Protein backbone atom coordinates (compact mmCIF):
# COMPACT_ATOMS: atom_id res chain seq x y z
CA UNK A 1 46.46 -50.25 12.84
CA UNK A 2 44.58 -53.01 14.60
CA UNK A 3 45.38 -55.19 17.57
CA UNK A 4 43.52 -58.04 15.91
CA UNK A 5 40.44 -58.01 18.13
CA UNK A 6 37.05 -57.53 16.57
CA UNK A 7 35.16 -54.59 17.98
CA UNK A 8 32.14 -56.03 19.72
CA UNK A 9 29.52 -53.60 20.96
CA UNK A 10 28.72 -53.47 24.64
CA UNK A 11 25.16 -54.57 25.32
CA UNK A 12 22.48 -54.10 27.92
CA UNK A 13 19.57 -56.52 27.71
CA UNK A 14 16.36 -55.49 29.41
CA UNK A 15 13.78 -58.19 30.03
CA UNK A 16 10.06 -57.65 30.55
CA UNK A 17 10.35 -58.65 34.22
CA UNK A 18 12.97 -55.95 34.79
CA UNK A 19 16.02 -58.24 34.79
CA UNK A 20 19.16 -56.75 33.26
CA UNK A 21 22.24 -58.23 31.62
CA UNK A 22 25.35 -56.25 30.77
CA UNK A 23 27.55 -57.95 28.16
CA UNK A 24 25.68 -61.22 28.76
CA UNK A 25 26.21 -61.11 32.55
CA UNK A 26 23.28 -60.64 34.96
CA UNK A 27 23.48 -57.30 36.80
CA UNK A 28 21.22 -55.42 39.17
CA UNK A 29 19.99 -51.91 38.50
CA UNK A 30 22.37 -50.76 41.25
CA UNK A 31 25.40 -52.50 39.67
CA UNK A 32 24.78 -51.31 36.12
CA UNK A 33 26.22 -47.76 36.40
CA UNK A 34 29.56 -49.00 37.76
CA UNK A 35 29.82 -51.75 35.14
CA UNK A 36 29.18 -49.29 32.32
CA UNK A 37 31.62 -46.78 33.82
CA UNK A 38 34.34 -49.47 33.81
CA UNK A 39 34.10 -49.97 30.04
CA UNK A 40 33.80 -46.22 29.38
CA UNK A 41 36.97 -45.64 31.43
CA UNK A 42 38.77 -48.25 29.32
CA UNK A 43 37.41 -46.80 26.05
CA UNK A 44 35.53 -43.47 26.09
CA UNK A 45 34.33 -44.07 22.51
CA UNK A 46 32.32 -47.21 23.25
CA UNK A 47 28.91 -47.71 21.76
CA UNK A 48 26.12 -49.35 23.69
CA UNK A 49 23.34 -51.48 22.25
CA UNK A 50 20.24 -51.60 24.42
CA UNK A 51 18.12 -54.64 23.60
CA UNK A 52 14.73 -54.58 25.22
CA UNK A 53 11.98 -57.14 25.35
CA UNK A 54 9.02 -55.88 23.35
CA UNK A 55 6.99 -55.90 26.58
CA UNK A 56 9.52 -53.78 28.51
CA UNK A 57 8.21 -50.29 29.18
CA UNK A 58 9.45 -47.15 27.51
CA UNK A 59 10.36 -45.85 30.96
CA UNK A 60 12.63 -48.84 31.63
CA UNK A 61 14.49 -48.27 28.35
CA UNK A 62 14.87 -44.53 29.01
CA UNK A 63 16.15 -45.29 32.52
CA UNK A 64 18.90 -47.54 31.10
CA UNK A 65 19.80 -44.82 28.58
CA UNK A 66 19.98 -42.23 31.35
CA UNK A 67 22.23 -44.47 33.46
CA UNK A 68 24.52 -44.99 30.47
CA UNK A 69 24.66 -41.26 29.66
CA UNK A 70 25.65 -40.43 33.23
CA UNK A 71 28.37 -43.11 32.98
CA UNK A 72 29.72 -41.35 29.87
CA UNK A 73 28.22 -43.27 26.94
CA UNK A 74 27.49 -41.06 23.93
CA UNK A 75 26.75 -43.64 21.21
CA UNK A 76 23.60 -45.74 21.46
CA UNK A 77 21.60 -48.20 19.44
CA UNK A 78 18.24 -49.59 20.51
CA UNK A 79 17.04 -53.02 19.53
CA UNK A 80 13.93 -55.09 20.21
CA UNK A 81 14.82 -58.60 21.39
CA UNK A 82 13.59 -61.44 19.29
CA UNK A 83 11.33 -63.99 20.97
CA UNK A 84 13.21 -66.52 23.06
CA UNK A 85 12.84 -70.26 22.98
CA UNK A 86 9.98 -70.32 25.47
């Protein structure tokens, strides 16, 4: 049974300068845990796609994964962002 909505993955975008976006909305590092927790509370089976700029550090990506795990996310995918229009 379906309610007719397409399942869209939740996303965190990590830019090389450290900026974050959660589901296309700018967030701070301090806001991210609460935002992720909100969607996990609504659906504990969510999956999270972490898209990182190729120049973002490994440590930044791991930090986002750790924040998401603490918030209750168990399904992850990692993606390298394609070059922007700059």
